[in-house]
């Protein structure tokens, strides 16, 4: 299985949060794990929020960030996806950020692993498979 991993699932996985064990299975089984380059910023921002809330030390956040980056085999630059993502964002009235993951999955024939229920619904509407989590 080829997989697009979104930041919501990656952060849950590296933070060893609820369902982390279930998330590890599809990531480990994937032949390729891909993400748009936005993934790195989204993961970093989510980890910063944990630090800001006092739930994570800065050094640990950096370690978790490196773990999340290491999960990805292939990053696609956002600019390569942005025109199509913008078109789909307008069509579905959904943020471009999420559509970067959807477009990448559609282009590469990957399933998407996400914890974002709204994104899962959108992916279903677009006919894009989601990986079980």
N, C-alpha and C. Protein backbone atom coordinates (compact mmCIF):
# COMPACT_ATOMS: atom_id res chain seq x y z
N UNK A 1 0.84 -1.19 0.00
CA UNK A 1 0.00 0.00 0.00
C UNK A 1 0.88 1.24 0.00
N UNK A 2 0.48 2.21 -0.81
CA UNK A 2 1.11 3.53 -0.83
C UNK A 2 0.25 4.45 0.03
N UNK A 3 0.88 5.34 0.77
CA UNK A 3 0.16 6.12 1.77
C UNK A 3 0.57 7.58 1.73
N UNK A 4 -0.41 8.47 1.85
CA UNK A 4 -0.17 9.88 2.14
C UNK A 4 -0.50 10.05 3.62
N UNK A 5 0.46 10.54 4.37
CA UNK A 5 0.30 10.73 5.81
C UNK A 5 0.07 12.21 6.08
N UNK A 6 -1.03 12.53 6.75
CA UNK A 6 -1.26 13.93 7.06
C UNK A 6 -0.73 14.25 8.46
N UNK A 7 -0.63 15.54 8.73
CA UNK A 7 -0.02 15.99 9.98
C UNK A 7 -0.82 15.56 11.21
N UNK A 8 -2.13 15.51 11.11
CA UNK A 8 -2.94 15.13 12.27
C UNK A 8 -2.60 13.71 12.73
N UNK A 9 -2.46 12.82 11.79
CA UNK A 9 -2.11 11.43 12.13
C UNK A 9 -0.66 11.33 12.59
N UNK A 10 0.22 12.05 11.94
CA UNK A 10 1.64 11.99 12.32
C UNK A 10 1.87 12.50 13.73
N UNK A 11 1.23 13.61 14.08
CA UNK A 11 1.40 14.17 15.43
C UNK A 11 0.83 13.21 16.46
N UNK A 12 -0.33 12.65 16.19
CA UNK A 12 -0.92 11.68 17.11
C UNK A 12 0.04 10.50 17.30
N UNK A 13 0.66 10.08 16.22
CA UNK A 13 1.58 8.94 16.27
C UNK A 13 2.83 9.27 17.09
N UNK A 14 3.49 10.37 16.79
CA UNK A 14 4.74 10.68 17.49
C UNK A 14 4.52 11.14 18.93
N UNK A 15 3.31 11.62 19.22
CA UNK A 15 2.99 12.01 20.60
C UNK A 15 2.49 10.82 21.41
N UNK A 16 2.43 9.66 20.74
CA UNK A 16 1.98 8.43 21.39
C UNK A 16 0.59 8.62 22.00
N UNK A 17 -0.24 9.35 21.24
CA UNK A 17 -1.59 9.65 21.69
C UNK A 17 -2.55 8.51 21.43
N UNK A 18 -3.82 8.81 21.67
CA UNK A 18 -4.87 7.83 21.46
C UNK A 18 -4.80 7.32 20.02
N UNK A 19 -4.89 6.02 19.86
CA UNK A 19 -4.87 5.34 18.56
C UNK A 19 -3.49 5.30 17.90
N UNK A 20 -2.44 5.66 18.63
CA UNK A 20 -1.09 5.64 18.04
C UNK A 20 -0.71 4.25 17.53
N UNK A 21 -1.07 3.22 18.28
CA UNK A 21 -0.75 1.86 17.84
C UNK A 21 -1.44 1.53 16.52
N UNK A 22 -2.70 1.94 16.39
CA UNK A 22 -3.44 1.70 15.15
C UNK A 22 -2.84 2.47 13.98
N UNK A 23 -2.30 3.64 14.25
CA UNK A 23 -1.69 4.46 13.20
C UNK A 23 -0.38 3.88 12.72
N UNK A 24 0.34 3.26 13.62
CA UNK A 24 1.65 2.71 13.26
C UNK A 24 1.52 1.57 12.26
N UNK A 25 0.47 0.78 12.35
CA UNK A 25 0.31 -0.37 11.46
C UNK A 25 0.31 0.01 9.98
N UNK A 26 -0.56 0.93 9.52
CA UNK A 26 -0.53 1.26 8.09
C UNK A 26 0.75 1.96 7.66
N UNK A 27 1.34 2.75 8.55
CA UNK A 27 2.60 3.43 8.20
C UNK A 27 3.70 2.39 8.02
N UNK A 28 3.78 1.43 8.92
CA UNK A 28 4.80 0.38 8.83
C UNK A 28 4.58 -0.51 7.61
N UNK A 29 3.33 -0.74 7.25
CA UNK A 29 3.02 -1.63 6.13
C UNK A 29 3.16 -0.95 4.77
N UNK A 30 3.21 0.35 4.74
CA UNK A 30 3.24 1.08 3.47
C UNK A 30 4.57 0.87 2.74
N UNK A 31 4.48 0.75 1.42
CA UNK A 31 5.70 0.66 0.61
C UNK A 31 6.31 2.04 0.43
N UNK A 32 5.47 3.06 0.39
CA UNK A 32 5.91 4.45 0.31
C UNK A 32 4.98 5.30 1.16
N UNK A 33 5.57 6.21 1.94
CA UNK A 33 4.79 7.17 2.71
C UNK A 33 5.15 8.56 2.16
N UNK A 34 4.14 9.26 1.66
CA UNK A 34 4.34 10.56 1.02
C UNK A 34 3.59 11.65 1.76
N UNK A 35 3.99 12.89 1.48
CA UNK A 35 3.31 14.05 2.05
C UNK A 35 3.67 15.28 1.23
N UNK A 36 2.78 16.28 1.21
CA UNK A 36 3.17 17.57 0.64
C UNK A 36 4.15 18.24 1.60
N UNK A 37 4.93 19.17 1.09
CA UNK A 37 5.93 19.82 1.95
C UNK A 37 5.28 20.59 3.10
N UNK A 38 4.03 20.99 2.97
CA UNK A 38 3.29 21.64 4.05
C UNK A 38 3.31 20.83 5.34
N UNK A 39 3.36 19.52 5.21
CA UNK A 39 3.37 18.60 6.35
C UNK A 39 4.39 19.04 7.41
N UNK A 40 5.59 19.40 6.98
CA UNK A 40 6.65 19.77 7.94
C UNK A 40 6.24 20.96 8.80
N UNK A 41 5.66 21.98 8.18
CA UNK A 41 5.22 23.15 8.92
C UNK A 41 4.04 22.85 9.82
N UNK A 42 3.11 22.03 9.33
CA UNK A 42 1.95 21.68 10.14
C UNK A 42 2.35 20.88 11.38
N UNK A 43 3.25 19.94 11.20
CA UNK A 43 3.73 19.15 12.33
C UNK A 43 4.46 20.04 13.33
N UNK A 44 5.35 20.90 12.84
CA UNK A 44 6.09 21.80 13.73
C UNK A 44 5.15 22.70 14.50
N UNK A 45 4.13 23.24 13.84
CA UNK A 45 3.18 24.12 14.51
C UNK A 45 2.38 23.38 15.58
N UNK A 46 1.96 22.17 15.27
CA UNK A 46 1.20 21.38 16.26
C UNK A 46 2.06 21.09 17.48
N UNK A 47 3.32 20.76 17.26
CA UNK A 47 4.21 20.48 18.39
C UNK A 47 4.48 21.75 19.21
N UNK A 48 4.61 22.88 18.54
CA UNK A 48 4.76 24.15 19.24
C UNK A 48 3.58 24.40 20.17
N UNK A 49 2.37 24.06 19.71
CA UNK A 49 1.18 24.24 20.54
C UNK A 49 1.27 23.39 21.81
N UNK A 50 1.82 22.18 21.70
CA UNK A 50 2.01 21.35 22.89
C UNK A 50 3.00 22.01 23.85
N UNK A 51 4.07 22.60 23.32
CA UNK A 51 5.05 23.29 24.16
C UNK A 51 4.41 24.51 24.81
N UNK A 52 3.70 25.28 24.02
CA UNK A 52 3.04 26.49 24.53
C UNK A 52 2.06 26.16 25.66
N UNK A 53 1.37 25.03 25.55
CA UNK A 53 0.40 24.61 26.56
C UNK A 53 1.06 23.97 27.78
N UNK A 54 2.38 23.84 27.75
CA UNK A 54 3.09 23.24 28.87
C UNK A 54 2.99 21.73 28.91
N UNK A 55 2.60 21.10 27.81
CA UNK A 55 2.43 19.65 27.77
C UNK A 55 3.64 18.93 27.19
N UNK A 56 4.65 19.71 26.74
CA UNK A 56 5.82 19.12 26.11
C UNK A 56 7.00 20.07 26.27
N UNK A 57 8.15 19.51 26.57
CA UNK A 57 9.37 20.32 26.65
C UNK A 57 9.87 20.61 25.23
N UNK A 58 10.55 21.74 25.07
CA UNK A 58 11.04 22.14 23.74
C UNK A 58 11.95 21.08 23.13
N UNK A 59 12.85 20.52 23.91
CA UNK A 59 13.78 19.51 23.39
C UNK A 59 13.01 18.27 22.91
N UNK A 60 12.02 17.87 23.65
CA UNK A 60 11.20 16.72 23.26
C UNK A 60 10.41 17.03 22.00
N UNK A 61 9.93 18.26 21.87
CA UNK A 61 9.21 18.66 20.66
C UNK A 61 10.11 18.52 19.44
N UNK A 62 11.37 18.90 19.58
CA UNK A 62 12.31 18.76 18.46
C UNK A 62 12.53 17.29 18.11
N UNK A 63 12.62 16.46 19.12
CA UNK A 63 12.78 15.02 18.88
C UNK A 63 11.55 14.45 18.17
N UNK A 64 10.37 14.85 18.63
CA UNK A 64 9.13 14.36 18.01
C UNK A 64 9.02 14.86 16.57
N UNK A 65 9.48 16.09 16.33
CA UNK A 65 9.48 16.63 14.97
C UNK A 65 10.36 15.77 14.06
N UNK A 66 11.54 15.45 14.52
CA UNK A 66 12.44 14.61 13.72
C UNK A 66 11.83 13.24 13.46
N UNK A 67 11.13 12.68 14.44
CA UNK A 67 10.44 11.40 14.25
C UNK A 67 9.38 11.53 13.16
N UNK A 68 8.62 12.61 13.21
CA UNK A 68 7.55 12.80 12.24
C UNK A 68 8.10 12.98 10.82
N UNK A 69 9.18 13.71 10.70
CA UNK A 69 9.80 13.91 9.39
C UNK A 69 10.34 12.58 8.86
N UNK A 70 10.91 11.78 9.74
CA UNK A 70 11.48 10.48 9.33
C UNK A 70 10.42 9.50 8.85
N UNK A 71 9.16 9.74 9.16
CA UNK A 71 8.08 8.86 8.69
C UNK A 71 7.84 8.98 7.19
N UNK A 72 8.28 10.10 6.59
CA UNK A 72 7.99 10.39 5.19
C UNK A 72 9.15 9.97 4.30
N UNK A 73 8.80 9.20 3.26
CA UNK A 73 9.78 8.78 2.27
C UNK A 73 9.91 9.78 1.13
N UNK A 74 8.80 10.46 0.81
CA UNK A 74 8.77 11.30 -0.38
C UNK A 74 7.94 12.56 -0.12
N UNK A 75 8.61 13.71 -0.13
CA UNK A 75 7.92 15.00 -0.01
C UNK A 75 7.70 15.59 -1.40
N UNK A 76 6.50 16.12 -1.63
CA UNK A 76 6.19 16.81 -2.88
C UNK A 76 6.05 18.30 -2.57
N UNK A 77 6.76 19.15 -3.32
CA UNK A 77 6.63 20.59 -3.07
C UNK A 77 5.19 21.06 -3.25
N UNK A 78 4.73 21.92 -2.35
CA UNK A 78 3.36 22.41 -2.40
C UNK A 78 3.03 23.08 -3.73
N UNK A 79 3.99 23.81 -4.29
CA UNK A 79 3.70 24.53 -5.53
C UNK A 79 3.33 23.59 -6.67
N UNK A 80 3.77 22.34 -6.60
CA UNK A 80 3.41 21.37 -7.64
C UNK A 80 1.95 20.92 -7.52
N UNK A 81 1.36 21.11 -6.37
CA UNK A 81 -0.01 20.67 -6.08
C UNK A 81 -1.00 21.82 -5.97
N UNK A 82 -0.50 23.03 -5.80
CA UNK A 82 -1.33 24.16 -5.38
C UNK A 82 -2.42 24.55 -6.37
N UNK A 83 -2.15 24.55 -7.66
CA UNK A 83 -3.18 24.95 -8.62
C UNK A 83 -4.36 23.99 -8.57
N UNK A 84 -4.07 22.71 -8.59
CA UNK A 84 -5.13 21.71 -8.52
C UNK A 84 -5.83 21.74 -7.16
N UNK A 85 -5.04 21.94 -6.10
CA UNK A 85 -5.63 22.01 -4.75
C UNK A 85 -6.56 23.22 -4.62
N UNK A 86 -6.17 24.35 -5.19
CA UNK A 86 -7.01 25.54 -5.15
C UNK A 86 -8.31 25.30 -5.92
N UNK A 87 -8.21 24.68 -7.08
CA UNK A 87 -9.40 24.37 -7.87
C UNK A 87 -10.36 23.49 -7.08
N UNK A 88 -9.83 22.47 -6.43
CA UNK A 88 -10.67 21.56 -5.64
C UNK A 88 -11.19 22.24 -4.37
N UNK A 89 -10.40 23.12 -3.78
CA UNK A 89 -10.84 23.85 -2.59
C UNK A 89 -12.06 24.70 -2.91
N UNK A 90 -12.03 25.35 -4.07
CA UNK A 90 -13.18 26.15 -4.49
C UNK A 90 -14.38 25.24 -4.75
N UNK A 91 -14.15 24.12 -5.44
CA UNK A 91 -15.24 23.19 -5.76
C UNK A 91 -15.91 22.64 -4.50
N UNK A 92 -15.11 22.27 -3.50
CA UNK A 92 -15.64 21.61 -2.31
C UNK A 92 -15.80 22.54 -1.10
N UNK A 93 -15.47 23.83 -1.26
CA UNK A 93 -15.55 24.79 -0.16
C UNK A 93 -14.80 24.26 1.07
N UNK A 94 -13.56 23.88 0.83
CA UNK A 94 -12.73 23.26 1.87
C UNK A 94 -11.33 23.88 1.78
N UNK A 95 -10.62 24.05 2.90
CA UNK A 95 -9.31 24.71 2.88
C UNK A 95 -8.30 24.03 1.96
N UNK A 96 -7.50 24.86 1.32
CA UNK A 96 -6.45 24.39 0.41
C UNK A 96 -5.48 23.46 1.13
N UNK A 97 -5.19 23.74 2.40
CA UNK A 97 -4.23 22.92 3.14
C UNK A 97 -4.58 21.43 3.04
N UNK A 98 -5.81 21.10 3.31
CA UNK A 98 -6.24 19.70 3.25
C UNK A 98 -6.23 19.17 1.82
N UNK A 99 -6.57 20.04 0.88
CA UNK A 99 -6.62 19.59 -0.51
C UNK A 99 -5.24 19.26 -1.06
N UNK A 100 -4.18 19.80 -0.47
CA UNK A 100 -2.83 19.40 -0.89
C UNK A 100 -2.62 17.91 -0.65
N UNK A 101 -3.08 17.42 0.48
CA UNK A 101 -2.98 15.99 0.79
C UNK A 101 -3.85 15.17 -0.16
N UNK A 102 -5.07 15.65 -0.40
CA UNK A 102 -6.01 14.93 -1.26
C UNK A 102 -5.49 14.84 -2.69
N UNK A 103 -5.02 15.95 -3.22
CA UNK A 103 -4.51 15.97 -4.59
C UNK A 103 -3.29 15.07 -4.72
N UNK A 104 -2.41 15.11 -3.75
CA UNK A 104 -1.24 14.23 -3.78
C UNK A 104 -1.66 12.77 -3.80
N UNK A 105 -2.62 12.43 -2.97
CA UNK A 105 -3.11 11.04 -2.93
C UNK A 105 -3.73 10.64 -4.26
N UNK A 106 -4.54 11.51 -4.82
CA UNK A 106 -5.18 11.20 -6.09
C UNK A 106 -4.15 11.03 -7.21
N UNK A 107 -3.18 11.91 -7.25
CA UNK A 107 -2.15 11.84 -8.30
C UNK A 107 -1.30 10.59 -8.20
N UNK A 108 -1.06 10.13 -6.98
CA UNK A 108 -0.13 9.01 -6.79
C UNK A 108 -0.81 7.69 -6.49
N UNK A 109 -2.12 7.70 -6.43
CA UNK A 109 -2.86 6.47 -6.15
C UNK A 109 -2.69 5.97 -4.74
N UNK A 110 -2.50 6.89 -3.82
CA UNK A 110 -2.30 6.54 -2.41
C UNK A 110 -3.60 6.65 -1.63
N UNK A 111 -3.67 5.94 -0.53
CA UNK A 111 -4.69 6.16 0.48
C UNK A 111 -4.16 7.23 1.43
N UNK A 112 -5.05 7.93 2.11
CA UNK A 112 -4.66 8.97 3.06
C UNK A 112 -4.90 8.46 4.47
N UNK A 113 -3.91 8.66 5.32
CA UNK A 113 -4.05 8.35 6.74
C UNK A 113 -4.19 9.67 7.47
N UNK A 114 -5.36 9.88 8.07
CA UNK A 114 -5.65 11.14 8.76
C UNK A 114 -6.51 10.87 9.98
N UNK A 115 -6.45 11.76 10.94
CA UNK A 115 -7.33 11.72 12.10
C UNK A 115 -8.41 12.79 11.98
N UNK A 116 -8.38 13.55 10.92
CA UNK A 116 -9.29 14.67 10.69
C UNK A 116 -10.58 14.15 10.05
N UNK A 117 -11.66 14.14 10.82
CA UNK A 117 -12.93 13.58 10.35
C UNK A 117 -13.51 14.37 9.18
N UNK A 118 -13.35 15.67 9.21
CA UNK A 118 -13.84 16.49 8.10
C UNK A 118 -13.09 16.16 6.81
N UNK A 119 -11.79 15.96 6.92
CA UNK A 119 -11.00 15.58 5.75
C UNK A 119 -11.40 14.19 5.27
N UNK A 120 -11.65 13.27 6.17
CA UNK A 120 -12.10 11.93 5.76
C UNK A 120 -13.38 12.01 4.95
N UNK A 121 -14.31 12.84 5.39
CA UNK A 121 -15.57 13.01 4.67
C UNK A 121 -15.31 13.56 3.27
N UNK A 122 -14.46 14.56 3.18
CA UNK A 122 -14.11 15.15 1.89
C UNK A 122 -13.47 14.11 0.97
N UNK A 123 -12.54 13.35 1.50
CA UNK A 123 -11.86 12.32 0.70
C UNK A 123 -12.87 11.33 0.14
N UNK A 124 -13.85 10.96 0.95
CA UNK A 124 -14.91 10.07 0.48
C UNK A 124 -15.68 10.68 -0.68
N UNK A 125 -16.00 11.97 -0.57
CA UNK A 125 -16.72 12.67 -1.64
C UNK A 125 -15.89 12.71 -2.92
N UNK A 126 -14.58 12.77 -2.77
CA UNK A 126 -13.67 12.84 -3.92
C UNK A 126 -13.31 11.47 -4.47
N UNK A 127 -13.74 10.41 -3.79
CA UNK A 127 -13.41 9.06 -4.25
C UNK A 127 -11.98 8.65 -3.95
N UNK A 128 -11.39 9.26 -2.92
CA UNK A 128 -10.02 8.95 -2.50
C UNK A 128 -10.08 8.06 -1.28
N UNK A 129 -9.35 6.98 -1.31
CA UNK A 129 -9.35 6.02 -0.20
C UNK A 129 -8.67 6.59 1.04
N UNK A 130 -9.16 6.18 2.19
CA UNK A 130 -8.50 6.49 3.45
C UNK A 130 -7.99 5.18 4.04
N UNK A 131 -6.89 5.26 4.74
CA UNK A 131 -6.33 4.10 5.41
C UNK A 131 -7.02 3.96 6.77
N UNK A 132 -7.30 2.74 7.18
CA UNK A 132 -7.93 2.56 8.49
C UNK A 132 -7.00 2.99 9.62
N UNK A 133 -7.57 3.69 10.59
CA UNK A 133 -6.76 4.13 11.74
C UNK A 133 -7.43 3.70 13.01
